[in-house]
Protein backbone atom coordinates (compact mmCIF):
# COMPACT_ATOMS: atom_id res chain seq x y z
CA UNK A 1 110.89 2.93 172.82
CA UNK A 2 110.51 5.84 170.33
CA UNK A 3 108.38 7.69 172.87
CA UNK A 4 110.94 7.15 175.64
CA UNK A 5 113.71 8.26 173.30
CA UNK A 6 111.88 11.43 172.29
CA UNK A 7 110.92 12.34 175.86
CA UNK A 8 114.52 11.86 176.95
CA UNK A 9 115.80 14.02 174.10
CA UNK A 10 113.22 16.69 174.91
CA UNK A 11 114.31 17.03 178.53
CA UNK A 12 118.00 16.89 177.65
CA UNK A 13 117.54 19.63 175.05
CA UNK A 14 115.53 21.77 177.49
CA UNK A 15 118.24 21.34 180.12
CA UNK A 16 120.91 22.24 177.56
CA UNK A 17 118.99 25.39 176.60
CA UNK A 18 118.69 26.37 180.29
CA UNK A 19 122.45 25.96 180.68
CA UNK A 20 123.13 28.10 177.61
CA UNK A 21 120.80 30.83 178.84
CA UNK A 22 122.40 30.79 182.29
CA UNK A 23 125.95 30.96 180.91
CA UNK A 24 125.00 33.81 178.57
CA UNK A 25 123.50 35.74 181.49
CA UNK A 26 126.11 35.08 184.18
CA UNK A 27 129.53 34.39 182.68
CA UNK A 28 132.16 36.37 180.80
CA UNK A 29 131.72 37.62 177.23
CA UNK A 30 133.62 34.77 175.57
CA UNK A 31 131.57 32.08 177.32
CA UNK A 32 128.39 34.05 176.67
CA UNK A 33 128.98 34.21 172.92
CA UNK A 34 129.64 30.46 172.75
CA UNK A 35 126.45 29.86 174.75
CA UNK A 36 124.46 32.05 172.34
CA UNK A 37 125.71 30.03 169.39
CA UNK A 38 124.96 26.71 171.08
CA UNK A 39 121.50 27.92 172.11
CA UNK A 40 120.70 28.79 168.49
CA UNK A 41 121.30 25.13 167.65
CA UNK A 42 119.91 23.22 170.61
CA UNK A 43 116.71 25.29 170.76
CA UNK A 44 115.77 23.73 167.43
CA UNK A 45 115.56 20.25 168.98
CA UNK A 46 112.28 20.82 170.87
CA UNK A 47 110.82 22.37 167.73
CA UNK A 48 111.72 19.25 165.74
CA UNK A 49 110.11 17.08 168.43
CA UNK A 50 106.96 19.22 168.21
CA UNK A 51 107.15 18.67 164.45
CA UNK A 52 107.23 14.91 165.09
CA UNK A 53 104.15 15.25 167.30
CA UNK A 54 102.38 17.26 164.59
CA UNK A 55 102.65 14.19 162.36
CA UNK A 56 101.65 11.85 165.18
CA UNK A 57 104.93 9.90 165.25
CA UNK A 58 106.58 11.14 168.45
CA UNK A 59 104.93 8.68 170.84
CA UNK A 60 102.99 5.44 170.67
CA UNK A 61 99.60 6.80 171.78
CA UNK A 62 97.68 9.90 170.66
CA UNK A 63 97.48 11.28 174.20
CA UNK A 64 101.22 10.99 174.83
CA UNK A 65 101.93 12.38 171.38
CA UNK A 66 99.72 15.38 172.15
CA UNK A 67 101.37 15.96 175.52
CA UNK A 68 104.87 15.85 174.07
CA UNK A 69 103.81 18.28 171.36
CA UNK A 70 102.39 20.74 173.88
CA UNK A 71 105.44 20.64 176.15
CA UNK A 72 107.82 20.92 173.19
CA UNK A 73 105.92 24.02 172.09
CA UNK A 74 106.73 25.76 175.39
CA UNK A 75 110.35 26.16 174.30
CA UNK A 76 109.47 28.01 171.10
CA UNK A 77 107.10 29.43 172.62
CA UNK A 78 103.91 28.55 170.74
CA UNK A 79 100.63 26.65 170.79
CA UNK A 80 100.87 23.05 169.63
CA UNK A 81 97.37 23.25 168.14
CA UNK A 82 98.34 26.28 166.08
CA UNK A 83 101.61 24.70 164.96
CA UNK A 84 99.88 21.49 163.96
CA UNK A 85 97.28 23.22 161.80
CA UNK A 86 99.85 25.59 160.26
CA UNK A 87 102.26 22.77 159.44
CA UNK A 88 99.60 20.55 157.89
CA UNK A 89 98.67 23.60 155.83
CA UNK A 90 102.31 23.87 154.79
CA UNK A 91 102.26 20.31 153.47
CA UNK A 92 99.13 21.10 151.46
CA UNK A 93 100.41 24.44 150.08
CA UNK A 94 104.10 23.72 149.67
CA UNK A 95 105.56 25.41 146.54
CA UNK A 96 102.12 26.61 145.40
CA UNK A 97 101.36 30.28 144.75
CA UNK A 98 100.18 30.54 148.37
CA UNK A 99 103.58 29.55 149.77
CA UNK A 100 106.36 30.77 147.55
CA UNK A 101 109.00 33.06 149.05
CA UNK A 102 111.94 32.60 146.67
CA UNK A 103 109.94 33.74 143.63
CA UNK A 104 107.50 36.47 142.75
CA UNK A 105 104.35 36.01 140.68
CA UNK A 106 102.98 38.24 137.90
CA UNK A 107 101.44 41.33 139.44
CA UNK A 108 103.45 41.05 142.64
CA UNK A 109 106.02 43.63 143.68
CA UNK A 110 109.56 42.28 143.50
CA UNK A 111 110.59 44.84 146.12
CA UNK A 112 107.93 43.65 148.58
CA UNK A 113 108.76 40.01 147.99
CA UNK A 114 112.45 40.70 148.61
CA UNK A 115 111.50 42.52 151.80
CA UNK A 116 109.63 39.42 152.98
CA UNK A 117 112.54 37.15 152.06
CA UNK A 118 115.33 39.24 153.55
CA UNK A 119 113.64 40.37 156.76
CA UNK A 120 111.52 37.30 157.37
CA UNK A 121 113.71 34.35 156.43
CA UNK A 122 117.24 35.76 156.38
CA UNK A 123 117.11 38.24 159.27
CA UNK A 124 114.97 36.19 161.62
CA UNK A 125 111.73 38.17 161.68
CA UNK A 126 109.74 35.08 160.75
CA UNK A 127 110.25 33.66 164.25
CA UNK A 128 109.60 37.01 165.92
CA UNK A 129 106.35 37.45 163.99
CA UNK A 130 105.10 34.03 165.16
CA UNK A 131 105.97 34.74 168.78
CA UNK A 132 104.50 38.25 168.72
CA UNK A 133 101.37 36.86 167.07
CA UNK A 134 101.08 34.36 169.91
CA UNK A 135 101.54 37.15 172.43
CA UNK A 136 98.74 39.09 170.74
CA UNK A 137 96.52 36.00 170.99
CA UNK A 138 97.37 35.69 174.69
CA UNK A 139 96.61 39.33 175.52
CA UNK A 140 93.77 39.99 173.08
CA UNK A 141 92.49 36.88 171.26
CA UNK A 142 89.61 38.90 169.84
CA UNK A 143 92.17 41.13 168.05
CA UNK A 144 94.00 38.12 166.54
CA UNK A 145 90.69 36.74 165.29
CA UNK A 146 89.43 40.11 164.08
CA UNK A 147 88.56 40.71 160.45
CA UNK A 148 91.24 43.41 160.16
CA UNK A 149 94.02 41.13 161.41
CA UNK A 150 92.89 38.09 159.39
CA UNK A 151 92.00 39.77 156.11
CA UNK A 152 94.32 42.76 155.93
CA UNK A 153 97.27 42.65 158.31
CA UNK A 154 98.24 38.95 158.02
CA UNK A 155 98.07 38.88 154.19
CA UNK A 156 100.32 41.96 154.08
CA UNK A 157 102.97 39.92 155.91
CA UNK A 158 102.49 36.82 153.75
CA UNK A 159 100.60 34.78 156.37
CA UNK A 160 97.04 35.36 155.17
CA UNK A 161 95.99 31.77 154.49
CA UNK A 162 97.58 30.49 157.68
CA UNK A 163 96.11 33.08 160.03
CA UNK A 164 92.68 32.57 158.47
CA UNK A 165 92.95 28.87 159.42
CA UNK A 166 94.37 29.54 162.89
CA UNK A 167 91.65 32.05 163.76
CA UNK A 168 89.07 29.27 163.50
CA UNK A 169 90.69 27.04 166.14
CA UNK A 170 88.93 26.64 169.54
CA UNK A 171 89.86 29.82 171.37
CA UNK A 172 90.14 28.38 174.89
CA UNK A 173 92.43 25.52 173.86
CA UNK A 174 94.77 27.76 171.90
CA UNK A 175 94.81 30.44 174.59
CA UNK A 176 95.60 27.85 177.28
CA UNK A 177 98.50 26.40 175.31
CA UNK A 178 99.96 29.84 174.65
CA UNK A 179 99.53 30.79 178.31
CA UNK A 180 101.41 27.66 179.38
CA UNK A 181 104.18 28.39 176.85
CA UNK A 182 104.72 31.97 178.03
CA UNK A 183 104.35 30.83 181.63
CA UNK A 184 107.20 28.37 181.08
CA UNK A 185 109.34 31.15 179.60
CA UNK A 186 108.62 33.42 182.57
CA UNK A 187 109.40 30.60 185.01
CA UNK A 188 112.85 29.79 183.58
CA UNK A 189 113.63 33.50 183.33
CA UNK A 190 112.91 33.89 187.06
CA UNK A 191 114.38 30.54 188.14
CA UNK A 192 117.69 31.06 186.29
CA UNK A 193 117.86 34.79 187.14
CA UNK A 194 118.44 35.59 183.48
CA UNK A 195 119.64 38.85 182.02
CA UNK A 196 117.01 40.42 179.74
CA UNK A 197 119.41 41.53 177.03
CA UNK A 198 121.43 38.32 176.86
CA UNK A 199 118.20 36.30 176.80
CA UNK A 200 117.04 38.36 173.84
CA UNK A 201 120.40 37.80 172.14
CA UNK A 202 120.03 34.03 172.60
CA UNK A 203 116.54 33.98 171.15
CA UNK A 204 117.60 36.37 168.41
CA UNK A 205 120.31 33.92 167.37
CA UNK A 206 117.81 31.08 167.42
CA UNK A 207 115.40 33.23 165.37
CA UNK A 208 118.09 33.68 162.70
CA UNK A 209 118.83 29.96 162.54
CA UNK A 210 115.21 28.78 162.64
CA UNK A 211 113.89 31.35 160.17
CA UNK A 212 116.58 30.54 157.60
CA UNK A 213 116.18 26.79 157.96
CA UNK A 214 112.41 26.97 157.39
CA UNK A 215 113.01 28.05 153.80
CA UNK A 216 116.55 26.96 152.96
CA UNK A 217 115.22 23.42 152.71
CA UNK A 218 112.69 24.54 150.05
CA UNK A 219 114.27 27.40 148.07
CA UNK A 220 114.64 26.82 144.32
CA UNK A 221 113.32 23.26 144.63
CA UNK A 222 110.72 21.75 142.30
CA UNK A 223 107.33 23.46 142.22
CA UNK A 224 105.70 20.30 143.46
CA UNK A 225 103.72 19.96 146.68
CA UNK A 226 105.28 16.61 147.59
CA UNK A 227 108.74 16.89 146.06
CA UNK A 228 109.41 20.61 146.55
CA UNK A 229 112.15 20.34 149.17
CA UNK A 230 115.81 19.40 149.60
CA UNK A 231 117.80 16.90 151.59
CA UNK A 232 120.39 19.43 152.68
CA UNK A 233 124.01 18.55 153.36
CA UNK A 234 125.29 19.69 156.75
CA UNK A 235 127.94 18.36 159.10
CA UNK A 236 126.57 15.33 160.98
CA UNK A 237 126.64 16.91 164.50
CA UNK A 238 124.42 19.79 163.33
CA UNK A 239 122.04 17.37 161.62
CA UNK A 240 121.87 15.22 164.75
CA UNK A 241 120.99 18.16 166.98
CA UNK A 242 118.19 19.04 164.54
CA UNK A 243 117.06 15.38 164.49
CA UNK A 244 117.55 15.04 160.74
CA UNK A 245 115.33 18.03 160.00
CA UNK A 246 117.65 18.86 157.10
CA UNK A 247 116.41 15.71 155.33
CA UNK A 248 113.33 17.64 154.38
CA UNK A 249 112.62 16.13 150.98
CA UNK A 250 112.53 12.67 152.55
CA UNK A 251 110.14 14.05 155.17
CA UNK A 252 107.78 15.60 152.61
CA UNK A 253 107.73 12.39 150.63
CA UNK A 254 107.17 10.27 153.75
CA UNK A 255 105.62 12.51 156.47
CA UNK A 256 104.62 9.50 158.58
CA UNK A 257 108.24 8.33 159.00
CA UNK A 258 109.92 9.36 162.30
CA UNK A 259 113.11 11.39 162.34
CA UNK A 260 115.47 8.51 163.15
CA UNK A 261 114.42 6.56 160.03
CA UNK A 262 114.80 9.41 157.53
CA UNK A 263 118.48 8.60 156.70
CA UNK A 264 117.37 5.24 155.31
CA UNK A 265 115.22 7.05 152.72
CA UNK A 266 117.97 9.22 151.24
CA UNK A 267 118.70 8.45 147.60
CA UNK A 268 122.47 8.93 147.08
CA UNK A 269 121.81 9.92 143.44
CA UNK A 270 119.52 12.79 144.40
CA UNK A 271 121.10 16.24 144.30
CA UNK A 272 121.84 17.43 147.85
CA UNK A 273 122.84 21.09 148.07
CA UNK A 274 124.61 22.26 151.19
CA UNK A 275 122.73 24.44 153.65
CA UNK A 276 125.22 27.26 153.08
CA UNK A 277 124.94 27.08 149.29
CA UNK A 278 121.18 27.63 149.52
CA UNK A 279 121.58 30.26 152.23
CA UNK A 280 123.92 32.45 150.21
CA UNK A 281 121.85 31.99 147.06
CA UNK A 282 118.83 33.48 148.84
CA UNK A 283 120.70 36.77 149.27
CA UNK A 284 120.50 37.19 145.49
CA UNK A 285 116.80 37.89 145.97
CA UNK A 286 113.58 36.59 144.50
CA UNK A 287 113.21 35.62 140.85
CA UNK A 288 110.22 35.38 138.46
CA UNK A 289 108.21 32.28 139.36
CA UNK A 290 108.21 29.31 136.99
CA UNK A 291 104.87 27.55 136.48
CA UNK A 292 103.56 24.99 138.92
CA UNK A 293 105.17 21.65 138.13
CA UNK A 294 108.48 23.16 137.06
CA UNK A 295 111.59 21.18 138.11
CA UNK A 296 114.14 22.40 140.61
CA UNK A 297 116.21 25.37 139.48
CA UNK A 298 119.54 23.56 139.52
CA UNK A 299 121.11 25.89 136.95
CA UNK A 300 120.69 28.81 139.34
CA UNK A 301 121.65 26.96 142.52
CA UNK A 302 124.64 25.03 141.18
CA UNK A 303 127.48 26.31 138.96
CA UNK A 304 127.71 24.57 135.61
CA UNK A 305 130.86 22.74 136.72
CA UNK A 306 128.98 21.20 139.62
CA UNK A 307 126.16 20.11 137.34
CA UNK A 308 128.58 18.44 134.95
CA UNK A 309 130.26 16.68 137.84
CA UNK A 310 126.89 15.38 139.00
CA UNK A 311 125.28 14.68 135.64
CA UNK A 312 123.79 11.43 137.00
CA UNK A 313 121.93 13.25 139.77
CA UNK A 314 118.18 13.57 139.73
CA UNK A 315 116.35 16.68 140.70
CA UNK A 316 113.71 16.28 143.43
């Protein structure tokens, strides 16, 4: 049943994204803008299903799980094998010095770290860098796996450890998955007779949403690999479309639990900042990093009045 549910959601979300792209390309400005906004939301559903497949909980058998992960990756577009290795690496490095974008460490440039935060997470370049990296792998895998790209270029963008891992994956498998993903994108572009500029606007809106969400659910949380995340508060319809992805602390604490069971793991006494509260706090820029093991920075994220009103809350 979970596999049938996830497959059904995948195809419904893909169909919804096709409709949004078609409306944006073929209808009047007002309808197009609404379609862009809806696309930025619904395009996150296949990514969440790929995330489920990464953890092996999307379908009942490994083969079906793998297939759903690969097809879900087409919508991003990305390689499922790359996403799986990168995401497992995220769980291992979460809130360590190797994956810390809301703070800067001794010896690091605050200006450079703010550049990474603002352009990457807040302005959507995180998504674009992943997609362009996949395109580079498709056109010139030797360049992606080159010493210059792995040891110099990727670290300069903050992806050094991840690219070093990804460059060791089997080249034919990764290349094939990326080729299928870009082939899918080309097919729907031709089939729906899409407009280039409006298609880019749709994906640009999704890039903004996705890139922010990837760090809003971690920013200012405890410097703890397992507990360094938030269960963000958002309106239920937005959380449903994202398949409870906003319950990220529950996911990090129980990565083998599927998306539809995460609400049962939410502790009502645990502090739950809103997505928008964290989003606007990130525009204040990076801060000096506390030591590993430090608790969540509630004093910075919440006004003192809020802390007093929630004095029974526990930090993650």
